[in-house]
Amino acid sequence: MARVVRPGGEIRLGRVLIGKEYEPQRILSQGIEETLKHLEEMGFEVEKIKTPSDDTYEYDSDHKPIKLLAEAYLVTIRKRESRG
């Protein structure tokens, strides 16, 4: 997507989870973080907006959140306008 987006264009990703505790989620989110960092190094602007979500927590028997499993984000990747 980053290769074909036009200068000034955007790529929007909804509900990207950045994991903490849950192992498969942690491995996946590490790849996402590395990809976003690489895009920033290539000159893209990356904006992450944290969005709370009930299913990113582990709950106790009283339905109280006890452990954050992941953080949810909306991600916008912007390709800078070409200068020329």
PDB file of N, CA and C in Angstrom:
ATOM      1  N   MET A   1       0.818  -1.191   0.000  1.00  0.00           N
ATOM      2  CA  MET A   1       0.000   0.000   0.000  1.00  0.00           C
ATOM      3  C   MET A   1       0.861   1.253   0.000  1.00  0.00           C
ATOM      4  N   ALA A   2       1.927   1.237   0.791  1.00  0.00           N
ATOM      5  CA  ALA A   2       2.794   2.413   0.874  1.00  0.00           C
ATOM      6  C   ALA A   2       3.448   2.712  -0.472  1.00  0.00           C
ATOM      7  N   ARG A   3       3.701   1.691  -1.245  1.00  0.00           N
ATOM      8  CA  ARG A   3       4.353   1.884  -2.538  1.00  0.00           C
ATOM      9  C   ARG A   3       3.436   2.563  -3.548  1.00  0.00           C
ATOM     10  N   VAL A   4       2.145   2.289  -3.495  1.00  0.00           N
ATOM     11  CA  VAL A   4       1.241   2.788  -4.524  1.00  0.00           C
ATOM     12  C   VAL A   4       0.427   4.018  -4.107  1.00  0.00           C
ATOM     13  N   VAL A   5       0.473   4.405  -2.840  1.00  0.00           N
ATOM     14  CA  VAL A   5      -0.289   5.592  -2.425  1.00  0.00           C
ATOM     15  C   VAL A   5       0.346   6.836  -3.036  1.00  0.00           C
ATOM     16  N   ARG A   6      -0.488   7.731  -3.506  1.00  0.00           N
ATOM     17  CA  ARG A   6      -0.001   8.945  -4.165  1.00  0.00           C
ATOM     18  C   ARG A   6       0.548   9.934  -3.134  1.00  0.00           C
ATOM     19  N   PRO A   7       1.454  10.813  -3.555  1.00  0.00           N
ATOM     20  CA  PRO A   7       1.916  11.872  -2.648  1.00  0.00           C
ATOM     21  C   PRO A   7       0.722  12.673  -2.127  1.00  0.00           C
ATOM     22  N   GLY A   8       0.693  12.879  -0.836  1.00  0.00           N
ATOM     23  CA  GLY A   8      -0.427  13.550  -0.199  1.00  0.00           C
ATOM     24  C   GLY A   8      -1.551  12.607   0.192  1.00  0.00           C
ATOM     25  N   GLY A   9      -1.457  11.341  -0.222  1.00  0.00           N
ATOM     26  CA  GLY A   9      -2.489  10.358   0.079  1.00  0.00           C
ATOM     27  C   GLY A   9      -2.323   9.740   1.455  1.00  0.00           C
ATOM     28  N   GLU A  10      -3.343   9.019   1.880  1.00  0.00           N
ATOM     29  CA  GLU A  10      -3.341   8.393   3.199  1.00  0.00           C
ATOM     30  C   GLU A  10      -3.710   6.913   3.106  1.00  0.00           C
ATOM     31  N   ILE A  11      -3.183   6.174   4.063  1.00  0.00           N
ATOM     32  CA  ILE A  11      -3.591   4.791   4.306  1.00  0.00           C
ATOM     33  C   ILE A  11      -4.143   4.795   5.724  1.00  0.00           C
ATOM     34  N   ARG A  12      -5.344   4.301   5.912  1.00  0.00           N
ATOM     35  CA  ARG A  12      -5.945   4.278   7.248  1.00  0.00           C
ATOM     36  C   ARG A  12      -6.183   2.843   7.671  1.00  0.00           C
ATOM     37  N   LEU A  13      -5.719   2.528   8.849  1.00  0.00           N
ATOM     38  CA  LEU A  13      -5.890   1.195   9.416  1.00  0.00           C
ATOM     39  C   LEU A  13      -6.719   1.331  10.683  1.00  0.00           C
ATOM     40  N   GLY A  14      -7.780   0.574  10.783  1.00  0.00           N
ATOM     41  CA  GLY A  14      -8.631   0.630  11.961  1.00  0.00           C
ATOM     42  C   GLY A  14      -8.312  -0.474  12.938  1.00  0.00           C
ATOM     43  N   ARG A  15      -8.278  -0.114  14.175  1.00  0.00           N
ATOM     44  CA  ARG A  15      -8.132  -1.039  15.306  1.00  0.00           C
ATOM     45  C   ARG A  15      -6.917  -1.950  15.182  1.00  0.00           C
ATOM     46  N   VAL A  16      -5.761  -1.338  15.207  1.00  0.00           N
ATOM     47  CA  VAL A  16      -4.504  -2.074  15.252  1.00  0.00           C
ATOM     48  C   VAL A  16      -4.181  -2.336  16.711  1.00  0.00           C
ATOM     49  N   LEU A  17      -3.964  -3.603  17.072  1.00  0.00           N
ATOM     50  CA  LEU A  17      -3.653  -3.947  18.463  1.00  0.00           C
ATOM     51  C   LEU A  17      -2.150  -4.011  18.669  1.00  0.00           C
ATOM     52  N   ILE A  18      -1.691  -3.348  19.708  1.00  0.00           N
ATOM     53  CA  ILE A  18      -0.291  -3.404  20.106  1.00  0.00           C
ATOM     54  C   ILE A  18      -0.264  -4.197  21.404  1.00  0.00           C
ATOM     55  N   GLY A  19       0.197  -5.447  21.335  1.00  0.00           N
ATOM     56  CA  GLY A  19       0.083  -6.368  22.461  1.00  0.00           C
ATOM     57  C   GLY A  19       1.086  -6.135  23.570  1.00  0.00           C
ATOM     58  N   LYS A  20       0.741  -6.654  24.733  1.00  0.00           N
ATOM     59  CA  LYS A  20       1.616  -6.586  25.895  1.00  0.00           C
ATOM     60  C   LYS A  20       1.831  -7.982  26.491  1.00  0.00           C
ATOM     61  N   GLU A  21       0.757  -8.629  26.872  1.00  0.00           N
ATOM     62  CA  GLU A  21       0.860  -9.882  27.614  1.00  0.00           C
ATOM     63  C   GLU A  21       0.646 -11.129  26.765  1.00  0.00           C
ATOM     64  N   TYR A  22      -0.323 -11.084  25.890  1.00  0.00           N
ATOM     65  CA  TYR A  22      -0.724 -12.257  25.133  1.00  0.00           C
ATOM     66  C   TYR A  22       0.310 -12.539  24.046  1.00  0.00           C
ATOM     67  N   GLU A  23       1.003 -13.649  24.120  1.00  0.00           N
ATOM     68  CA  GLU A  23       2.190 -13.909  23.294  1.00  0.00           C
ATOM     69  C   GLU A  23       1.971 -13.777  21.780  1.00  0.00           C
ATOM     70  N   PRO A  24       0.972 -14.430  21.182  1.00  0.00           N
ATOM     71  CA  PRO A  24       0.801 -14.242  19.728  1.00  0.00           C
ATOM     72  C   PRO A  24       0.552 -12.781  19.373  1.00  0.00           C
ATOM     73  N   GLN A  25      -0.188 -12.069  20.218  1.00  0.00           N
ATOM     74  CA  GLN A  25      -0.443 -10.649  19.969  1.00  0.00           C
ATOM     75  C   GLN A  25       0.846  -9.851  20.075  1.00  0.00           C
ATOM     76  N   ARG A  26       1.714 -10.176  21.026  1.00  0.00           N
ATOM     77  CA  ARG A  26       2.974  -9.462  21.203  1.00  0.00           C
ATOM     78  C   ARG A  26       3.861  -9.639  19.968  1.00  0.00           C
ATOM     79  N   ILE A  27       3.919 -10.845  19.452  1.00  0.00           N
ATOM     80  CA  ILE A  27       4.733 -11.109  18.261  1.00  0.00           C
ATOM     81  C   ILE A  27       4.187 -10.340  17.065  1.00  0.00           C
ATOM     82  N   LEU A  28       2.869 -10.371  16.861  1.00  0.00           N
ATOM     83  CA  LEU A  28       2.253  -9.645  15.758  1.00  0.00           C
ATOM     84  C   LEU A  28       2.479  -8.144  15.904  1.00  0.00           C
ATOM     85  N   SER A  29       2.275  -7.616  17.110  1.00  0.00           N
ATOM     86  CA  SER A  29       2.398  -6.174  17.304  1.00  0.00           C
ATOM     87  C   SER A  29       3.839  -5.704  17.142  1.00  0.00           C
ATOM     88  N   GLN A  30       4.801  -6.565  17.460  1.00  0.00           N
ATOM     89  CA  GLN A  30       6.200  -6.205  17.245  1.00  0.00           C
ATOM     90  C   GLN A  30       6.449  -5.973  15.757  1.00  0.00           C
ATOM     91  N   GLY A  31       5.882  -6.811  14.908  1.00  0.00           N
ATOM     92  CA  GLY A  31       6.014  -6.628  13.465  1.00  0.00           C
ATOM     93  C   GLY A  31       5.340  -5.345  12.992  1.00  0.00           C
ATOM     94  N   ILE A  32       4.190  -5.028  13.572  1.00  0.00           N
ATOM     95  CA  ILE A  32       3.490  -3.796  13.219  1.00  0.00           C
ATOM     96  C   ILE A  32       4.332  -2.592  13.618  1.00  0.00           C
ATOM     97  N   GLU A  33       4.859  -2.595  14.836  1.00  0.00           N
ATOM     98  CA  GLU A  33       5.685  -1.479  15.312  1.00  0.00           C
ATOM     99  C   GLU A  33       6.909  -1.289  14.426  1.00  0.00           C
ATOM    100  N   GLU A  34       7.563  -2.383  14.036  1.00  0.00           N
ATOM    101  CA  GLU A  34       8.741  -2.293  13.165  1.00  0.00           C
ATOM    102  C   GLU A  34       8.365  -1.727  11.793  1.00  0.00           C
ATOM    103  N   THR A  35       7.212  -2.143  11.269  1.00  0.00           N
ATOM    104  CA  THR A  35       6.758  -1.647   9.979  1.00  0.00           C
ATOM    105  C   THR A  35       6.460  -0.154  10.041  1.00  0.00           C
ATOM    106  N   LEU A  36       5.772   0.296  11.091  1.00  0.00           N
ATOM    107  CA  LEU A  36       5.465   1.721  11.234  1.00  0.00           C
ATOM    108  C   LEU A  36       6.743   2.542  11.377  1.00  0.00           C
ATOM    109  N   LYS A  37       7.707   2.028  12.123  1.00  0.00           N
ATOM    110  CA  LYS A  37       8.986   2.728  12.279  1.00  0.00           C
ATOM    111  C   LYS A  37       9.703   2.834  10.928  1.00  0.00           C
ATOM    112  N   HIS A  38       9.678   1.752  10.161  1.00  0.00           N
ATOM    113  CA  HIS A  38      10.320   1.744   8.847  1.00  0.00           C
ATOM    114  C   HIS A  38       9.653   2.767   7.919  1.00  0.00           C
ATOM    115  N   LEU A  39       8.329   2.841   7.960  1.00  0.00           N
ATOM    116  CA  LEU A  39       7.618   3.814   7.132  1.00  0.00           C
ATOM    117  C   LEU A  39       7.997   5.244   7.518  1.00  0.00           C
ATOM    118  N   GLU A  40       8.151   5.501   8.820  1.00  0.00           N
ATOM    119  CA  GLU A  40       8.584   6.832   9.256  1.00  0.00           C
ATOM    120  C   GLU A  40       9.986   7.141   8.728  1.00  0.00           C
ATOM    121  N   GLU A  41      10.857   6.148   8.745  1.00  0.00           N
ATOM    122  CA  GLU A  41      12.214   6.335   8.227  1.00  0.00           C
ATOM    123  C   GLU A  41      12.199   6.612   6.726  1.00  0.00           C
ATOM    124  N   MET A  42      11.177   6.113   6.023  1.00  0.00           N
ATOM    125  CA  MET A  42      11.048   6.340   4.583  1.00  0.00           C
ATOM    126  C   MET A  42      10.410   7.699   4.279  1.00  0.00           C
ATOM    127  N   GLY A  43      10.018   8.433   5.321  1.00  0.00           N
ATOM    128  CA  GLY A  43       9.454   9.759   5.114  1.00  0.00           C
ATOM    129  C   GLY A  43       7.948   9.855   5.230  1.00  0.00           C
ATOM    130  N   PHE A  44       7.288   8.766   5.621  1.00  0.00           N
ATOM    131  CA  PHE A  44       5.848   8.807   5.834  1.00  0.00           C
ATOM    132  C   PHE A  44       5.562   9.388   7.212  1.00  0.00           C
ATOM    133  N   GLU A  45       4.402  10.017   7.345  1.00  0.00           N
ATOM    134  CA  GLU A  45       3.938  10.462   8.647  1.00  0.00           C
ATOM    135  C   GLU A  45       3.016   9.381   9.200  1.00  0.00           C
ATOM    136  N   VAL A  46       3.255   8.945  10.430  1.00  0.00           N
ATOM    137  CA  VAL A  46       2.431   7.906  11.050  1.00  0.00           C
ATOM    138  C   VAL A  46       1.763   8.508  12.284  1.00  0.00           C
ATOM    139  N   GLU A  47       0.450   8.451  12.307  1.00  0.00           N
ATOM    140  CA  GLU A  47      -0.315   8.959  13.443  1.00  0.00           C
ATOM    141  C   GLU A  47      -1.062   7.795  14.076  1.00  0.00           C
ATOM    142  N   LYS A  48      -0.881   7.604  15.383  1.00  0.00           N
ATOM    143  CA  LYS A  48      -1.595   6.554  16.110  1.00  0.00           C
ATOM    144  C   LYS A  48      -2.521   7.230  17.119  1.00  0.00           C
ATOM    145  N   ILE A  49      -3.794   6.860  17.091  1.00  0.00           N
ATOM    146  CA  ILE A  49      -4.769   7.383  18.039  1.00  0.00           C
ATOM    147  C   ILE A  49      -5.239   6.219  18.898  1.00  0.00           C
ATOM    148  N   LYS A  50      -4.957   6.282  20.198  1.00  0.00           N
ATOM    149  CA  LYS A  50      -5.336   5.200  21.101  1.00  0.00           C
ATOM    150  C   LYS A  50      -6.852   5.172  21.277  1.00  0.00           C
ATOM    151  N   THR A  51      -7.422   3.981  21.170  1.00  0.00           N
ATOM    152  CA  THR A  51      -8.865   3.806  21.319  1.00  0.00           C
ATOM    153  C   THR A  51      -9.142   2.726  22.358  1.00  0.00           C
ATOM    154  N   PRO A  52      -9.713   3.104  23.494  1.00  0.00           N
ATOM    155  CA  PRO A  52     -10.003   2.104  24.523  1.00  0.00           C
ATOM    156  C   PRO A  52     -10.984   1.051  24.011  1.00  0.00           C
ATOM    157  N   SER A  53     -10.803  -0.164  24.451  1.00  0.00           N
ATOM    158  CA  SER A  53     -11.675  -1.251  24.025  1.00  0.00           C
ATOM    159  C   SER A  53     -11.750  -2.300  25.131  1.00  0.00           C
ATOM    160  N   ASP A  54     -12.960  -2.742  25.432  1.00  0.00           N
ATOM    161  CA  ASP A  54     -13.153  -3.709  26.515  1.00  0.00           C
ATOM    162  C   ASP A  54     -12.446  -5.035  26.276  1.00  0.00           C
ATOM    163  N   ASP A  55     -12.333  -5.468  25.013  1.00  0.00           N
ATOM    164  CA  ASP A  55     -11.769  -6.788  24.759  1.00  0.00           C
ATOM    165  C   ASP A  55     -10.239  -6.788  24.733  1.00  0.00           C
ATOM    166  N   THR A  56      -9.610  -5.703  25.150  1.00  0.00           N
ATOM    167  CA  THR A  56      -8.158  -5.699  25.253  1.00  0.00           C
ATOM    168  C   THR A  56      -7.700  -5.960  26.688  1.00  0.00           C
ATOM    169  N   TYR A  57      -8.643  -6.298  27.564  1.00  0.00           N
ATOM    170  CA  TYR A  57      -8.335  -6.582  28.967  1.00  0.00           C
ATOM    171  C   TYR A  57      -8.679  -8.019  29.330  1.00  0.00           C
ATOM    172  N   GLU A  58      -7.986  -8.526  30.331  1.00  0.00           N
ATOM    173  CA  GLU A  58      -8.378  -9.777  30.968  1.00  0.00           C
ATOM    174  C   GLU A  58      -9.203  -9.384  32.186  1.00  0.00           C
ATOM    175  N   TYR A  59     -10.318 -10.091  32.428  1.00  0.00           N
ATOM    176  CA  TYR A  59     -11.234  -9.728  33.503  1.00  0.00           C
ATOM    177  C   TYR A  59     -11.250 -10.782  34.604  1.00  0.00           C
ATOM    178  N   ASP A  60     -11.529 -10.339  35.838  1.00  0.00           N
ATOM    179  CA  ASP A  60     -11.682 -11.279  36.948  1.00  0.00           C
ATOM    180  C   ASP A  60     -13.130 -11.779  36.976  1.00  0.00           C
ATOM    181  N   SER A  61     -13.455 -12.591  37.982  1.00  0.00           N
ATOM    182  CA  SER A  61     -14.792 -13.199  38.059  1.00  0.00           C
ATOM    183  C   SER A  61     -15.894 -12.162  38.285  1.00  0.00           C
ATOM    184  N   ASP A  62     -15.543 -10.990  38.780  1.00  0.00           N
ATOM    185  CA  ASP A  62     -16.525  -9.915  38.984  1.00  0.00           C
ATOM    186  C   ASP A  62     -16.596  -8.973  37.780  1.00  0.00           C
ATOM    187  N   HIS A  63     -15.984  -9.384  36.675  1.00  0.00           N
ATOM    188  CA  HIS A  63     -15.966  -8.607  35.426  1.00  0.00           C
ATOM    189  C   HIS A  63     -15.251  -7.271  35.567  1.00  0.00           C
ATOM    190  N   LYS A  64     -14.248  -7.233  36.431  1.00  0.00           N
ATOM    191  CA  LYS A  64     -13.407  -6.044  36.568  1.00  0.00           C
ATOM    192  C   LYS A  64     -12.108  -6.296  35.802  1.00  0.00           C
ATOM    193  N   PRO A  65     -11.643  -5.304  35.051  1.00  0.00           N
ATOM    194  CA  PRO A  65     -10.394  -5.512  34.306  1.00  0.00           C
ATOM    195  C   PRO A  65      -9.211  -5.683  35.246  1.00  0.00           C
ATOM    196  N   ILE A  66      -8.387  -6.717  34.988  1.00  0.00           N
ATOM    197  CA  ILE A  66      -7.237  -6.949  35.856  1.00  0.00           C
ATOM    198  C   ILE A  66      -5.899  -6.841  35.122  1.00  0.00           C
ATOM    199  N   LYS A  67      -5.903  -7.011  33.811  1.00  0.00           N
ATOM    200  CA  LYS A  67      -4.638  -6.962  33.087  1.00  0.00           C
ATOM    201  C   LYS A  67      -4.875  -6.469  31.671  1.00  0.00           C
ATOM    202  N   LEU A  68      -4.086  -5.485  31.259  1.00  0.00           N
ATOM    203  CA  LEU A  68      -4.168  -4.983  29.897  1.00  0.00           C
ATOM    204  C   LEU A  68      -3.446  -5.959  28.982  1.00  0.00           C
ATOM    205  N   LEU A  69      -4.158  -6.520  28.013  1.00  0.00           N
ATOM    206  CA  LEU A  69      -3.575  -7.482  27.088  1.00  0.00           C
ATOM    207  C   LEU A  69      -3.007  -6.806  25.849  1.00  0.00           C
ATOM    208  N   ALA A  70      -3.624  -5.721  25.443  1.00  0.00           N
ATOM    209  CA  ALA A  70      -3.177  -5.015  24.242  1.00  0.00           C
ATOM    210  C   ALA A  70      -3.746  -3.607  24.277  1.00  0.00           C
ATOM    211  N   GLU A  71      -3.180  -2.744  23.484  1.00  0.00           N
ATOM    212  CA  GLU A  71      -3.717  -1.404  23.322  1.00  0.00           C
ATOM    213  C   GLU A  71      -4.190  -1.276  21.878  1.00  0.00           C
ATOM    214  N   ALA A  72      -5.378  -0.729  21.689  1.00  0.00           N
ATOM    215  CA  ALA A  72      -5.949  -0.588  20.348  1.00  0.00           C
ATOM    216  C   ALA A  72      -5.691   0.820  19.820  1.00  0.00           C
ATOM    217  N   TYR A  73      -5.364   0.898  18.544  1.00  0.00           N
ATOM    218  CA  TYR A  73      -5.089   2.181  17.904  1.00  0.00           C
ATOM    219  C   TYR A  73      -5.776   2.257  16.551  1.00  0.00           C
ATOM    220  N   LEU A  74      -6.110   3.471  16.151  1.00  0.00           N
ATOM    221  CA  LEU A  74      -6.418   3.773  14.760  1.00  0.00           C
ATOM    222  C   LEU A  74      -5.135   4.352  14.198  1.00  0.00           C
ATOM    223  N   VAL A  75      -4.712   3.904  13.035  1.00  0.00           N
ATOM    224  CA  VAL A  75      -3.442   4.346  12.464  1.00  0.00           C
ATOM    225  C   VAL A  75      -3.690   4.998  11.111  1.00  0.00           C
ATOM    226  N   THR A  76      -3.124   6.185  10.927  1.00  0.00           N
ATOM    227  CA  THR A  76      -3.145   6.863   9.627  1.00  0.00           C
ATOM    228  C   THR A  76      -1.702   7.033   9.172  1.00  0.00           C
ATOM    229  N   ILE A  77      -1.428   6.604   7.946  1.00  0.00           N
ATOM    230  CA  ILE A  77      -0.097   6.724   7.345  1.00  0.00           C
ATOM    231  C   ILE A  77      -0.231   7.684   6.176  1.00  0.00           C
ATOM    232  N   ARG A  78       0.491   8.791   6.235  1.00  0.00           N
ATOM    233  CA  ARG A  78       0.402   9.807   5.186  1.00  0.00           C
ATOM    234  C   ARG A  78       1.686   9.856   4.373  1.00  0.00           C
ATOM    235  N   LYS A  79       1.523   9.885   3.068  1.00  0.00           N
ATOM    236  CA  LYS A  79       2.684  10.049   2.183  1.00  0.00           C
ATOM    237  C   LYS A  79       2.835  11.544   1.918  1.00  0.00           C
ATOM    238  N   ARG A  80       3.994  12.058   2.249  1.00  0.00           N
ATOM    239  CA  ARG A  80       4.236  13.488   2.070  1.00  0.00           C
ATOM    240  C   ARG A  80       4.138  13.877   0.608  1.00  0.00           C
ATOM    241  N   GLU A  81       3.723  15.121   0.396  1.00  0.00           N
ATOM    242  CA  GLU A  81       3.669  15.660  -0.969  1.00  0.00           C
ATOM    243  C   GLU A  81       5.079  15.660  -1.550  1.00  0.00           C
ATOM    244  N   SER A  82       5.181  15.311  -2.810  1.00  0.00           N
ATOM    245  CA  SER A  82       6.506  15.334  -3.446  1.00  0.00           C
ATOM    246  C   SER A  82       6.910  16.779  -3.704  1.00  0.00           C
ATOM    247  N   ARG A  83       8.178  17.008  -3.571  1.00  0.00           N
ATOM    248  CA  ARG A  83       8.696  18.360  -3.815  1.00  0.00           C
ATOM    249  C   ARG A  83       9.426  18.336  -5.145  1.00  0.00           C
ATOM    250  N   GLY A  84       9.109  19.294  -5.960  1.00  0.00           N
ATOM    251  CA  GLY A  84       9.782  19.234  -7.236  1.00  0.00           C
ATOM    252  C   GLY A  84       9.689  20.441  -8.066  1.00  0.00           C
TER     253      GLY A  84
END
